[in-house]
Structure formats: structure tokens, C-alpha cells
Amino acid sequence: MFLNISFKAENRVAFFNQIKNNDYGCVIMSHDQFGKIPQSPEMQQQILQVELDTVEENLEVVKQQGHDISRGMLKGLIKRKENLSAKIATLQYQMEQNKDSVVDFKQMGIDHIFVDESH
């Protein structure tokens, strides 16, 4: 079956649901279209948590080095930690509020991805 669907916002949800609800052997889409498939909030939270853990480790190293580190670097790490913590809290809230949201990548049941001319 060949689907030729415009990737306007109103059509994307229908397209993603068709992928989820059918057993297609292959779905071909552009890189731009592929990039618009949302990740699950759980996956986003895991990625942000790993980044937050790294920032916290870097902060600990910076504090141990004391005067050998610039004040700007320390402030930057603290700000990054605050931003990541806020993003994680926002995702947690969204997961609690949105039980039935848009189909995400995990829900589509994609078994394999082949990338041609990936730059």
C-alpha cells in the first residue's frame, strides 16, 4: 500500500496513527518527516537525566578544583543544571497530565530503520 500524505501538522497525527495501526512492510519518508516523530516523554526524560547527571559530575569536579576554574564556567554549569531540572519537571508533569497524547516513536512499533544519504 502506498500512502502519499502531506506532512502538514493536521495530517501528521493521522499518518503516525496509520503507521501504528497497520503492519506495513516499509514506510519511506524524508529526513524532515522522520524528525517530526516525537520521542516518548519517558525517553526524553531518560536522555535529560543522563545529561543532568553529567552536569552534576562536572560541577563536582569544578568545585574540587577550586580556584583553578573560572567563575563563568561555574555559573554556566549551575544554569545548565537548573534548566535541565526544569525540563525534567515539565516532562514529568506532562506525563502525568497527558495519558492519551500523540503517537510517539516507541508506540509505532518500528522494527528497523534504514537511512539513505544521511548527512
PDB file of N, CA and C in Angstrom:
ATOM      1  N   MET A   1       0.850  -1.169   0.000  1.00  0.00           N
ATOM      2  CA  MET A   1       0.000   0.000   0.000  1.00  0.00           C
ATOM      3  C   MET A   1       0.893   1.229   0.000  1.00  0.00           C
ATOM      4  N   PHE A   2       0.586   2.182  -0.823  1.00  0.00           N
ATOM      5  CA  PHE A   2       1.367   3.407  -0.927  1.00  0.00           C
ATOM      6  C   PHE A   2       0.555   4.561  -0.364  1.00  0.00           C
ATOM      7  N   LEU A   3       1.118   5.273   0.602  1.00  0.00           N
ATOM      8  CA  LEU A   3       0.462   6.439   1.178  1.00  0.00           C
ATOM      9  C   LEU A   3       1.224   7.673   0.753  1.00  0.00           C
ATOM     10  N   ASN A   4       0.529   8.626   0.200  1.00  0.00           N
ATOM     11  CA  ASN A   4       1.147   9.888  -0.157  1.00  0.00           C
ATOM     12  C   ASN A   4       0.426  10.970   0.646  1.00  0.00           C
ATOM     13  N   ILE A   5       0.955  11.271   1.807  1.00  0.00           N
ATOM     14  CA  ILE A   5       0.280  12.175   2.722  1.00  0.00           C
ATOM     15  C   ILE A   5       1.109  13.441   2.888  1.00  0.00           C
ATOM     16  N   SER A   6       0.434  14.567   2.785  1.00  0.00           N
ATOM     17  CA  SER A   6       1.078  15.840   3.077  1.00  0.00           C
ATOM     18  C   SER A   6       1.472  15.830   4.550  1.00  0.00           C
ATOM     19  N   PHE A   7       2.617  16.418   4.857  1.00  0.00           N
ATOM     20  CA  PHE A   7       3.088  16.367   6.241  1.00  0.00           C
ATOM     21  C   PHE A   7       2.760  17.641   7.004  1.00  0.00           C
ATOM     22  N   LYS A   8       1.652  18.261   6.639  1.00  0.00           N
ATOM     23  CA  LYS A   8       1.171  19.385   7.425  1.00  0.00           C
ATOM     24  C   LYS A   8       0.811  18.867   8.810  1.00  0.00           C
ATOM     25  N   ALA A   9       0.788  19.748   9.788  1.00  0.00           N
ATOM     26  CA  ALA A   9       0.552  19.350  11.180  1.00  0.00           C
ATOM     27  C   ALA A   9      -0.712  18.524  11.333  1.00  0.00           C
ATOM     28  N   GLU A  10      -1.791  18.909  10.673  1.00  0.00           N
ATOM     29  CA  GLU A  10      -3.058  18.190  10.845  1.00  0.00           C
ATOM     30  C   GLU A  10      -3.017  16.783  10.226  1.00  0.00           C
ATOM     31  N   ASN A  11      -2.127  16.548   9.273  1.00  0.00           N
ATOM     32  CA  ASN A  11      -2.028  15.232   8.643  1.00  0.00           C
ATOM     33  C   ASN A  11      -1.043  14.304   9.347  1.00  0.00           C
ATOM     34  N   ARG A  12      -0.083  14.887  10.077  1.00  0.00           N
ATOM     35  CA  ARG A  12       0.936  14.067  10.744  1.00  0.00           C
ATOM     36  C   ARG A  12       0.335  13.094  11.735  1.00  0.00           C
ATOM     37  N   VAL A  13      -0.623  13.537  12.531  1.00  0.00           N
ATOM     38  CA  VAL A  13      -1.224  12.659  13.537  1.00  0.00           C
ATOM     39  C   VAL A  13      -1.875  11.458  12.862  1.00  0.00           C
ATOM     40  N   ALA A  14      -2.614  11.706  11.785  1.00  0.00           N
ATOM     41  CA  ALA A  14      -3.255  10.599  11.055  1.00  0.00           C
ATOM     42  C   ALA A  14      -2.201   9.656  10.476  1.00  0.00           C
ATOM     43  N   PHE A  15      -1.128  10.220   9.921  1.00  0.00           N
ATOM     44  CA  PHE A  15      -0.057   9.412   9.342  1.00  0.00           C
ATOM     45  C   PHE A  15       0.605   8.539  10.402  1.00  0.00           C
ATOM     46  N   PHE A  16       0.941   9.126  11.542  1.00  0.00           N
ATOM     47  CA  PHE A  16       1.566   8.365  12.625  1.00  0.00           C
ATOM     48  C   PHE A  16       0.638   7.272  13.132  1.00  0.00           C
ATOM     49  N   ASN A  17      -0.645   7.555  13.224  1.00  0.00           N
ATOM     50  CA  ASN A  17      -1.610   6.538  13.660  1.00  0.00           C
ATOM     51  C   ASN A  17      -1.717   5.410  12.642  1.00  0.00           C
ATOM     52  N   GLN A  18      -1.633   5.734  11.346  1.00  0.00           N
ATOM     53  CA  GLN A  18      -1.667   4.684  10.331  1.00  0.00           C
ATOM     54  C   GLN A  18      -0.454   3.774  10.449  1.00  0.00           C
ATOM     55  N   ILE A  19       0.703   4.349  10.712  1.00  0.00           N
ATOM     56  CA  ILE A  19       1.906   3.533  10.902  1.00  0.00           C
ATOM     57  C   ILE A  19       1.715   2.619  12.107  1.00  0.00           C
ATOM     58  N   LYS A  20       1.192   3.172  13.178  1.00  0.00           N
ATOM     59  CA  LYS A  20       0.997   2.404  14.412  1.00  0.00           C
ATOM     60  C   LYS A  20      -0.018   1.275  14.231  1.00  0.00           C
ATOM     61  N   ASN A  21      -1.108   1.548  13.525  1.00  0.00           N
ATOM     62  CA  ASN A  21      -2.232   0.616  13.471  1.00  0.00           C
ATOM     63  C   ASN A  21      -2.183  -0.372  12.314  1.00  0.00           C
ATOM     64  N   ASN A  22      -1.208  -0.267  11.440  1.00  0.00           N
ATOM     65  CA  ASN A  22      -1.105  -1.175  10.303  1.00  0.00           C
ATOM     66  C   ASN A  22       0.224  -1.902  10.334  1.00  0.00           C
ATOM     67  N   ASP A  23       0.292  -2.984   9.605  1.00  0.00           N
ATOM     68  CA  ASP A  23       1.505  -3.800   9.567  1.00  0.00           C
ATOM     69  C   ASP A  23       2.214  -3.585   8.236  1.00  0.00           C
ATOM     70  N   TYR A  24       2.752  -2.373   8.059  1.00  0.00           N
ATOM     71  CA  TYR A  24       3.444  -2.051   6.818  1.00  0.00           C
ATOM     72  C   TYR A  24       4.798  -2.736   6.786  1.00  0.00           C
ATOM     73  N   GLY A  25       5.174  -3.216   5.612  1.00  0.00           N
ATOM     74  CA  GLY A  25       6.495  -3.794   5.442  1.00  0.00           C
ATOM     75  C   GLY A  25       7.568  -2.723   5.375  1.00  0.00           C
ATOM     76  N   CYS A  26       7.177  -1.531   4.909  1.00  0.00           N
ATOM     77  CA  CYS A  26       8.143  -0.453   4.748  1.00  0.00           C
ATOM     78  C   CYS A  26       7.402   0.874   4.726  1.00  0.00           C
ATOM     79  N   VAL A  27       7.952   1.854   5.385  1.00  0.00           N
ATOM     80  CA  VAL A  27       7.433   3.221   5.336  1.00  0.00           C
ATOM     81  C   VAL A  27       8.607   4.100   4.933  1.00  0.00           C
ATOM     82  N   ILE A  28       8.437   4.832   3.856  1.00  0.00           N
ATOM     83  CA  ILE A  28       9.504   5.701   3.360  1.00  0.00           C
ATOM     84  C   ILE A  28       9.088   7.139   3.597  1.00  0.00           C
ATOM     85  N   MET A  29       9.975   7.890   4.228  1.00  0.00           N
ATOM     86  CA  MET A  29       9.687   9.299   4.492  1.00  0.00           C
ATOM     87  C   MET A  29      10.982  10.086   4.441  1.00  0.00           C
ATOM     88  N   SER A  30      10.848  11.375   4.301  1.00  0.00           N
ATOM     89  CA  SER A  30      12.033  12.232   4.255  1.00  0.00           C
ATOM     90  C   SER A  30      12.634  12.364   5.654  1.00  0.00           C
ATOM     91  N   HIS A  31      13.875  12.837   5.687  1.00  0.00           N
ATOM     92  CA  HIS A  31      14.553  13.070   6.961  1.00  0.00           C
ATOM     93  C   HIS A  31      13.779  14.087   7.792  1.00  0.00           C
ATOM     94  N   ASP A  32      13.258  15.116   7.134  1.00  0.00           N
ATOM     95  CA  ASP A  32      12.470  16.138   7.817  1.00  0.00           C
ATOM     96  C   ASP A  32      11.217  15.527   8.454  1.00  0.00           C
ATOM     97  N   GLN A  33      10.543  14.657   7.713  1.00  0.00           N
ATOM     98  CA  GLN A  33       9.350  13.993   8.240  1.00  0.00           C
ATOM     99  C   GLN A  33       9.718  13.099   9.423  1.00  0.00           C
ATOM    100  N   PHE A  34      10.798  12.346   9.267  1.00  0.00           N
ATOM    101  CA  PHE A  34      11.247  11.451  10.331  1.00  0.00           C
ATOM    102  C   PHE A  34      11.553  12.233  11.607  1.00  0.00           C
ATOM    103  N   GLY A  35      12.136  13.402  11.444  1.00  0.00           N
ATOM    104  CA  GLY A  35      12.485  14.233  12.597  1.00  0.00           C
ATOM    105  C   GLY A  35      11.278  14.756  13.358  1.00  0.00           C
ATOM    106  N   LYS A  36      10.120  14.702  12.750  1.00  0.00           N
ATOM    107  CA  LYS A  36       8.910  15.198  13.410  1.00  0.00           C
ATOM    108  C   LYS A  36       8.173  14.124  14.198  1.00  0.00           C
ATOM    109  N   ILE A  37       8.685  12.894  14.178  1.00  0.00           N
ATOM    110  CA  ILE A  37       8.095  11.851  15.005  1.00  0.00           C
ATOM    111  C   ILE A  37       8.539  12.115  16.442  1.00  0.00           C
ATOM    112  N   PRO A  38       7.606  12.334  17.347  1.00  0.00           N
ATOM    113  CA  PRO A  38       8.010  12.658  18.715  1.00  0.00           C
ATOM    114  C   PRO A  38       8.571  11.448  19.461  1.00  0.00           C
ATOM    115  N   GLN A  39       9.528  11.707  20.326  1.00  0.00           N
ATOM    116  CA  GLN A  39      10.014  10.678  21.252  1.00  0.00           C
ATOM    117  C   GLN A  39       9.047  10.613  22.422  1.00  0.00           C
ATOM    118  N   SER A  40       8.977   9.473  23.061  1.00  0.00           N
ATOM    119  CA  SER A  40       8.118   9.345  24.234  1.00  0.00           C
ATOM    120  C   SER A  40       8.652  10.242  25.350  1.00  0.00           C
ATOM    121  N   PRO A  41       7.761  10.772  26.181  1.00  0.00           N
ATOM    122  CA  PRO A  41       8.234  11.593  27.303  1.00  0.00           C
ATOM    123  C   PRO A  41       9.190  10.820  28.213  1.00  0.00           C
ATOM    124  N   GLU A  42       8.969   9.531  28.358  1.00  0.00           N
ATOM    125  CA  GLU A  42       9.865   8.722  29.194  1.00  0.00           C
ATOM    126  C   GLU A  42      11.281   8.712  28.627  1.00  0.00           C
ATOM    127  N   MET A  43      11.383   8.558  27.297  1.00  0.00           N
ATOM    128  CA  MET A  43      12.704   8.547  26.655  1.00  0.00           C
ATOM    129  C   MET A  43      13.355   9.923  26.767  1.00  0.00           C
ATOM    130  N   GLN A  44      12.588  10.983  26.548  1.00  0.00           N
ATOM    131  CA  GLN A  44      13.126  12.332  26.693  1.00  0.00           C
ATOM    132  C   GLN A  44      13.639  12.546  28.107  1.00  0.00           C
ATOM    133  N   GLN A  45      12.882  12.054  29.085  1.00  0.00           N
ATOM    134  CA  GLN A  45      13.273  12.216  30.481  1.00  0.00           C
ATOM    135  C   GLN A  45      14.570  11.462  30.766  1.00  0.00           C
ATOM    136  N   GLN A  46      14.710  10.255  30.220  1.00  0.00           N
ATOM    137  CA  GLN A  46      15.941   9.485  30.421  1.00  0.00           C
ATOM    138  C   GLN A  46      17.147  10.214  29.834  1.00  0.00           C
ATOM    139  N   ILE A  47      16.976  10.759  28.632  1.00  0.00           N
ATOM    140  CA  ILE A  47      18.073  11.474  27.970  1.00  0.00           C
ATOM    141  C   ILE A  47      18.477  12.700  28.785  1.00  0.00           C
ATOM    142  N   LEU A  48      17.478  13.462  29.232  1.00  0.00           N
ATOM    143  CA  LEU A  48      17.771  14.655  30.034  1.00  0.00           C
ATOM    144  C   LEU A  48      18.406  14.286  31.369  1.00  0.00           C
ATOM    145  N   GLN A  49      17.980  13.180  31.963  1.00  0.00           N
ATOM    146  CA  GLN A  49      18.543  12.766  33.257  1.00  0.00           C
ATOM    147  C   GLN A  49      20.016  12.397  33.111  1.00  0.00           C
ATOM    148  N   VAL A  50      20.368  11.716  32.030  1.00  0.00           N
ATOM    149  CA  VAL A  50      21.778  11.378  31.783  1.00  0.00           C
ATOM    150  C   VAL A  50      22.599  12.663  31.644  1.00  0.00           C
ATOM    151  N   GLU A  51      22.049  13.635  30.906  1.00  0.00           N
ATOM    152  CA  GLU A  51      22.753  14.905  30.740  1.00  0.00           C
ATOM    153  C   GLU A  51      22.880  15.634  32.076  1.00  0.00           C
ATOM    154  N   LEU A  52      21.818  15.611  32.883  1.00  0.00           N
ATOM    155  CA  LEU A  52      21.856  16.248  34.201  1.00  0.00           C
ATOM    156  C   LEU A  52      22.899  15.580  35.094  1.00  0.00           C
ATOM    157  N   ASP A  53      22.957  14.254  35.060  1.00  0.00           N
ATOM    158  CA  ASP A  53      23.961  13.535  35.855  1.00  0.00           C
ATOM    159  C   ASP A  53      25.374  13.954  35.454  1.00  0.00           C
ATOM    160  N   THR A  54      25.597  14.131  34.156  1.00  0.00           N
ATOM    161  CA  THR A  54      26.908  14.552  33.660  1.00  0.00           C
ATOM    162  C   THR A  54      27.243  15.960  34.148  1.00  0.00           C
ATOM    163  N   VAL A  55      26.262  16.856  34.091  1.00  0.00           N
ATOM    164  CA  VAL A  55      26.479  18.233  34.562  1.00  0.00           C
ATOM    165  C   VAL A  55      26.796  18.225  36.053  1.00  0.00           C
ATOM    166  N   GLU A  56      26.087  17.406  36.822  1.00  0.00           N
ATOM    167  CA  GLU A  56      26.349  17.332  38.271  1.00  0.00           C
ATOM    168  C   GLU A  56      27.753  16.800  38.547  1.00  0.00           C
ATOM    169  N   GLU A  57      28.199  15.816  37.760  1.00  0.00           N
ATOM    170  CA  GLU A  57      29.565  15.307  37.913  1.00  0.00           C
ATOM    171  C   GLU A  57      30.576  16.410  37.585  1.00  0.00           C
ATOM    172  N   ASN A  58      30.315  17.148  36.515  1.00  0.00           N
ATOM    173  CA  ASN A  58      31.215  18.246  36.135  1.00  0.00           C
ATOM    174  C   ASN A  58      31.261  19.318  37.217  1.00  0.00           C
ATOM    175  N   LEU A  59      30.107  19.623  37.798  1.00  0.00           N
ATOM    176  CA  LEU A  59      30.067  20.599  38.895  1.00  0.00           C
ATOM    177  C   LEU A  59      30.914  20.141  40.068  1.00  0.00           C
ATOM    178  N   GLU A  60      30.848  18.869  40.384  1.00  0.00           N
ATOM    179  CA  GLU A  60      31.616  18.324  41.499  1.00  0.00           C
ATOM    180  C   GLU A  60      33.115  18.448  41.219  1.00  0.00           C
ATOM    181  N   VAL A  61      33.527  18.156  39.998  1.00  0.00           N
ATOM    182  CA  VAL A  61      34.941  18.278  39.615  1.00  0.00           C
ATOM    183  C   VAL A  61      35.378  19.732  39.703  1.00  0.00           C
ATOM    184  N   VAL A  62      34.537  20.633  39.204  1.00  0.00           N
ATOM    185  CA  VAL A  62      34.862  22.062  39.240  1.00  0.00           C
ATOM    186  C   VAL A  62      35.021  22.544  40.670  1.00  0.00           C
ATOM    187  N   LYS A  63      34.139  22.120  41.556  1.00  0.00           N
ATOM    188  CA  LYS A  63      34.220  22.529  42.963  1.00  0.00           C
ATOM    189  C   LYS A  63      35.484  21.992  43.629  1.00  0.00           C
ATOM    190  N   GLN A  64      35.897  20.786  43.237  1.00  0.00           N
ATOM    191  CA  GLN A  64      37.109  20.205  43.803  1.00  0.00           C
ATOM    192  C   GLN A  64      38.359  20.945  43.323  1.00  0.00           C
ATOM    193  N   GLN A  65      38.304  21.494  42.108  1.00  0.00           N
ATOM    194  CA  GLN A  65      39.453  22.217  41.570  1.00  0.00           C
ATOM    195  C   GLN A  65      39.600  23.601  42.192  1.00  0.00           C
ATOM    196  N   GLY A  66      38.528  24.094  42.770  1.00  0.00           N
ATOM    197  CA  GLY A  66      38.591  25.362  43.489  1.00  0.00           C
ATOM    198  C   GLY A  66      38.915  26.549  42.621  1.00  0.00           C
ATOM    199  N   HIS A  67      40.031  27.205  42.890  1.00  0.00           N
ATOM    200  CA  HIS A  67      40.395  28.461  42.237  1.00  0.00           C
ATOM    201  C   HIS A  67      40.917  28.270  40.813  1.00  0.00           C
ATOM    202  N   ASP A  68      41.134  27.018  40.392  1.00  0.00           N
ATOM    203  CA  ASP A  68      41.673  26.767  39.056  1.00  0.00           C
ATOM    204  C   ASP A  68      40.618  26.884  37.962  1.00  0.00           C
ATOM    205  N   ILE A  69      39.400  27.171  38.321  1.00  0.00           N
ATOM    206  CA  ILE A  69      38.314  27.210  37.341  1.00  0.00           C
ATOM    207  C   ILE A  69      37.701  28.604  37.298  1.00  0.00           C
ATOM    208  N   SER A  70      37.246  29.016  36.131  1.00  0.00           N
ATOM    209  CA  SER A  70      36.682  30.356  36.001  1.00  0.00           C
ATOM    210  C   SER A  70      35.290  30.426  36.619  1.00  0.00           C
ATOM    211  N   ARG A  71      34.991  31.601  37.099  1.00  0.00           N
ATOM    212  CA  ARG A  71      33.672  31.846  37.702  1.00  0.00           C
ATOM    213  C   ARG A  71      32.562  31.681  36.663  1.00  0.00           C
ATOM    214  N   GLY A  72      32.844  32.091  35.423  1.00  0.00           N
ATOM    215  CA  GLY A  72      31.868  31.968  34.337  1.00  0.00           C
ATOM    216  C   GLY A  72      31.522  30.523  34.041  1.00  0.00           C
ATOM    217  N   MET A  73      32.526  29.640  34.076  1.00  0.00           N
ATOM    218  CA  MET A  73      32.280  28.226  33.828  1.00  0.00           C
ATOM    219  C   MET A  73      31.392  27.646  34.924  1.00  0.00           C
ATOM    220  N   LEU A  74      31.668  28.008  36.155  1.00  0.00           N
ATOM    221  CA  LEU A  74      30.857  27.525  37.274  1.00  0.00           C
ATOM    222  C   LEU A  74      29.417  28.004  37.139  1.00  0.00           C
ATOM    223  N   LYS A  75      29.242  29.282  36.832  1.00  0.00           N
ATOM    224  CA  LYS A  75      27.892  29.827  36.666  1.00  0.00           C
ATOM    225  C   LYS A  75      27.155  29.145  35.513  1.00  0.00           C
ATOM    226  N   GLY A  76      27.875  28.856  34.430  1.00  0.00           N
ATOM    227  CA  GLY A  76      27.283  28.187  33.276  1.00  0.00           C
ATOM    228  C   GLY A  76      26.780  26.792  33.621  1.00  0.00           C
ATOM    229  N   LEU A  77      27.590  26.057  34.382  1.00  0.00           N
ATOM    230  CA  LEU A  77      27.186  24.710  34.792  1.00  0.00           C
ATOM    231  C   LEU A  77      25.979  24.748  35.724  1.00  0.00           C
ATOM    232  N   ILE A  78      25.967  25.701  36.632  1.00  0.00           N
ATOM    233  CA  ILE A  78      24.828  25.824  37.557  1.00  0.00           C
ATOM    234  C   ILE A  78      23.556  26.161  36.775  1.00  0.00           C
ATOM    235  N   LYS A  79      23.656  27.060  35.815  1.00  0.00           N
ATOM    236  CA  LYS A  79      22.499  27.437  34.999  1.00  0.00           C
ATOM    237  C   LYS A  79      22.016  26.245  34.172  1.00  0.00           C
ATOM    238  N   ARG A  80      22.953  25.487  33.608  1.00  0.00           N
ATOM    239  CA  ARG A  80      22.592  24.303  32.818  1.00  0.00           C
ATOM    240  C   ARG A  80      21.871  23.285  33.695  1.00  0.00           C
ATOM    241  N   LYS A  81      22.341  23.103  34.915  1.00  0.00           N
ATOM    242  CA  LYS A  81      21.699  22.169  35.843  1.00  0.00           C
ATOM    243  C   LYS A  81      20.272  22.622  36.139  1.00  0.00           C
ATOM    244  N   GLU A  82      20.086  23.913  36.384  1.00  0.00           N
ATOM    245  CA  GLU A  82      18.742  24.439  36.658  1.00  0.00           C
ATOM    246  C   GLU A  82      17.813  24.234  35.466  1.00  0.00           C
ATOM    247  N   ASN A  83      18.312  24.497  34.257  1.00  0.00           N
ATOM    248  CA  ASN A  83      17.493  24.328  33.051  1.00  0.00           C
ATOM    249  C   ASN A  83      17.099  22.866  32.834  1.00  0.00           C
ATOM    250  N   LEU A  84      18.051  21.958  33.007  1.00  0.00           N
ATOM    251  CA  LEU A  84      17.752  20.536  32.834  1.00  0.00           C
ATOM    252  C   LEU A  84      16.753  20.055  33.880  1.00  0.00           C
ATOM    253  N   SER A  85      16.920  20.500  35.110  1.00  0.00           N
ATOM    254  CA  SER A  85      15.984  20.115  36.176  1.00  0.00           C
ATOM    255  C   SER A  85      14.578  20.606  35.857  1.00  0.00           C
ATOM    256  N   ALA A  86      14.471  21.807  35.327  1.00  0.00           N
ATOM    257  CA  ALA A  86      13.161  22.353  34.954  1.00  0.00           C
ATOM    258  C   ALA A  86      12.539  21.563  33.808  1.00  0.00           C
ATOM    259  N   LYS A  87      13.339  21.189  32.818  1.00  0.00           N
ATOM    260  CA  LYS A  87      12.822  20.397  31.693  1.00  0.00           C
ATOM    261  C   LYS A  87      12.325  19.039  32.166  1.00  0.00           C
ATOM    262  N   ILE A  88      13.062  18.413  33.067  1.00  0.00           N
ATOM    263  CA  ILE A  88      12.656  17.106  33.595  1.00  0.00           C
ATOM    264  C   ILE A  88      11.355  17.243  34.373  1.00  0.00           C
ATOM    265  N   ALA A  89      11.237  18.278  35.177  1.00  0.00           N
ATOM    266  CA  ALA A  89       9.999  18.504  35.937  1.00  0.00           C
ATOM    267  C   ALA A  89       8.822  18.745  34.996  1.00  0.00           C
ATOM    268  N   THR A  90       9.038  19.487  33.925  1.00  0.00           N
ATOM    269  CA  THR A  90       7.979  19.750  32.945  1.00  0.00           C
ATOM    270  C   THR A  90       7.540  18.455  32.269  1.00  0.00           C
ATOM    271  N   LEU A  91       8.506  17.627  31.870  1.00  0.00           N
ATOM    272  CA  LEU A  91       8.163  16.347  31.251  1.00  0.00           C
ATOM    273  C   LEU A  91       7.396  15.451  32.214  1.00  0.00           C
ATOM    274  N   GLN A  92       7.814  15.433  33.470  1.00  0.00           N
ATOM    275  CA  GLN A  92       7.120  14.627  34.475  1.00  0.00           C
ATOM    276  C   GLN A  92       5.666  15.079  34.601  1.00  0.00           C
ATOM    277  N   TYR A  93       5.453  16.376  34.631  1.00  0.00           N
ATOM    278  CA  TYR A  93       4.096  16.922  34.719  1.00  0.00           C
ATOM    279  C   TYR A  93       3.284  16.534  33.481  1.00  0.00           C
ATOM    280  N   GLN A  94       3.894  16.665  32.297  1.00  0.00           N
ATOM    281  CA  GLN A  94       3.207  16.309  31.057  1.00  0.00           C
ATOM    282  C   GLN A  94       2.828  14.838  31.030  1.00  0.00           C
ATOM    283  N   MET A  95       3.712  13.970  31.527  1.00  0.00           N
ATOM    284  CA  MET A  95       3.408  12.533  31.549  1.00  0.00           C
ATOM    285  C   MET A  95       2.224  12.249  32.462  1.00  0.00           C
ATOM    286  N   GLU A  96       2.125  12.981  33.566  1.00  0.00           N
ATOM    287  CA  GLU A  96       1.018  12.784  34.493  1.00  0.00           C
ATOM    288  C   GLU A  96      -0.294  13.317  33.928  1.00  0.00           C
ATOM    289  N   GLN A  97      -0.229  14.381  33.121  1.00  0.00           N
ATOM    290  CA  GLN A  97      -1.432  15.020  32.594  1.00  0.00           C
ATOM    291  C   GLN A  97      -1.917  14.416  31.278  1.00  0.00           C
ATOM    292  N   ASN A  98      -1.001  14.007  30.416  1.00  0.00           N
ATOM    293  CA  ASN A  98      -1.361  13.568  29.062  1.00  0.00           C
ATOM    294  C   ASN A  98      -1.248  12.056  28.935  1.00  0.00           C
ATOM    295  N   LYS A  99      -2.275  11.374  29.310  1.00  0.00           N
ATOM    296  CA  LYS A  99      -2.262   9.914  29.184  1.00  0.00           C
ATOM    297  C   LYS A  99      -2.503   9.484  27.738  1.00  0.00           C
ATOM    298  N   ASP A 100      -3.318  10.220  26.997  1.00  0.00           N
ATOM    299  CA  ASP A 100      -3.655   9.882  25.611  1.00  0.00           C
ATOM    300  C   ASP A 100      -3.188  10.987  24.683  1.00  0.00           C
ATOM    301  N   SER A 101      -1.907  11.021  24.387  1.00  0.00           N
ATOM    302  CA  SER A 101      -1.384  12.083  23.534  1.00  0.00           C
ATOM    303  C   SER A 101      -1.050  11.535  22.154  1.00  0.00           C
ATOM    304  N   VAL A 102      -0.299  12.298  21.415  1.00  0.00           N
ATOM    305  CA  VAL A 102       0.093  11.926  20.060  1.00  0.00           C
ATOM    306  C   VAL A 102       0.925  10.646  20.086  1.00  0.00           C
ATOM    307  N   VAL A 103       0.795   9.859  19.034  1.00  0.00           N
ATOM    308  CA  VAL A 103       1.577   8.633  18.902  1.00  0.00           C
ATOM    309  C   VAL A 103       3.052   9.007  18.852  1.00  0.00           C
ATOM    310  N   ASP A 104       3.852   8.345  19.679  1.00  0.00           N
ATOM    311  CA  ASP A 104       5.282   8.630  19.667  1.00  0.00           C
ATOM    312  C   ASP A 104       6.036   7.496  18.981  1.00  0.00           C
ATOM    313  N   PHE A 105       7.333   7.676  18.826  1.00  0.00           N
ATOM    314  CA  PHE A 105       8.171   6.729  18.097  1.00  0.00           C
ATOM    315  C   PHE A 105       8.048   5.311  18.664  1.00  0.00           C
ATOM    316  N   LYS A 106       8.093   5.174  19.963  1.00  0.00           N
ATOM    317  CA  LYS A 106       8.039   3.861  20.606  1.00  0.00           C
ATOM    318  C   LYS A 106       6.719   3.144  20.310  1.00  0.00           C
ATOM    319  N   GLN A 107       5.619   3.887  20.301  1.00  0.00           N
ATOM    320  CA  GLN A 107       4.300   3.291  20.083  1.00  0.00           C
ATOM    321  C   GLN A 107       4.095   2.818  18.646  1.00  0.00           C
ATOM    322  N   MET A 108       4.878   3.317  17.708  1.00  0.00           N
ATOM    323  CA  MET A 108       4.705   2.948  16.309  1.00  0.00           C
ATOM    324  C   MET A 108       5.130   1.517  16.023  1.00  0.00           C
ATOM    325  N   GLY A 109       5.930   0.935  16.887  1.00  0.00           N
ATOM    326  CA  GLY A 109       6.345  -0.455  16.690  1.00  0.00           C
ATOM    327  C   GLY A 109       7.321  -0.636  15.544  1.00  0.00           C
ATOM    328  N   ILE A 110       8.164   0.338  15.314  1.00  0.00           N
ATOM    329  CA  ILE A 110       9.143   0.267  14.224  1.00  0.00           C
ATOM    330  C   ILE A 110      10.237  -0.720  14.612  1.00  0.00           C
ATOM    331  N   ASP A 111      10.464  -1.701  13.722  1.00  0.00           N
ATOM    332  CA  ASP A 111      11.471  -2.730  13.994  1.00  0.00           C
ATOM    333  C   ASP A 111      12.856  -2.367  13.473  1.00  0.00           C
ATOM    334  N   HIS A 112      12.915  -1.728  12.324  1.00  0.00           N
ATOM    335  CA  HIS A 112      14.194  -1.403  11.709  1.00  0.00           C
ATOM    336  C   HIS A 112      14.103  -0.017  11.067  1.00  0.00           C
ATOM    337  N   ILE A 113      15.239   0.633  10.992  1.00  0.00           N
ATOM    338  CA  ILE A 113      15.330   1.914  10.311  1.00  0.00           C
ATOM    339  C   ILE A 113      16.503   1.821   9.343  1.00  0.00           C
ATOM    340  N   PHE A 114      16.226   2.130   8.082  1.00  0.00           N
ATOM    341  CA  PHE A 114      17.262   2.199   7.064  1.00  0.00           C
ATOM    342  C   PHE A 114      17.396   3.658   6.658  1.00  0.00           C
ATOM    343  N   VAL A 115      18.610   4.174   6.675  1.00  0.00           N
ATOM    344  CA  VAL A 115      18.833   5.576   6.351  1.00  0.00           C
ATOM    345  C   VAL A 115      19.669   5.633   5.086  1.00  0.00           C
ATOM    346  N   ASP A 116      19.169   6.358   4.095  1.00  0.00           N
ATOM    347  CA  ASP A 116      19.874   6.538   2.842  1.00  0.00           C
ATOM    348  C   ASP A 116      20.344   7.971   2.743  1.00  0.00           C
ATOM    349  N   GLU A 117      21.559   8.178   2.369  1.00  0.00           N
ATOM    350  CA  GLU A 117      22.132   9.502   2.179  1.00  0.00           C
ATOM    351  C   GLU A 117      21.996  10.385   3.418  1.00  0.00           C
ATOM    352  N   SER A 118      22.220   9.803   4.567  1.00  0.00           N
ATOM    353  CA  SER A 118      22.166  10.574   5.806  1.00  0.00           C
ATOM    354  C   SER A 118      23.396  11.461   5.886  1.00  0.00           C
ATOM    355  N   HIS A 119      23.177  12.730   6.074  1.00  0.00           N
ATOM    356  CA  HIS A 119      24.306  13.673   6.114  1.00  0.00           C
ATOM    357  C   HIS A 119      24.479  14.187   7.519  1.00  0.00           C
TER     358      HIS A 119
END
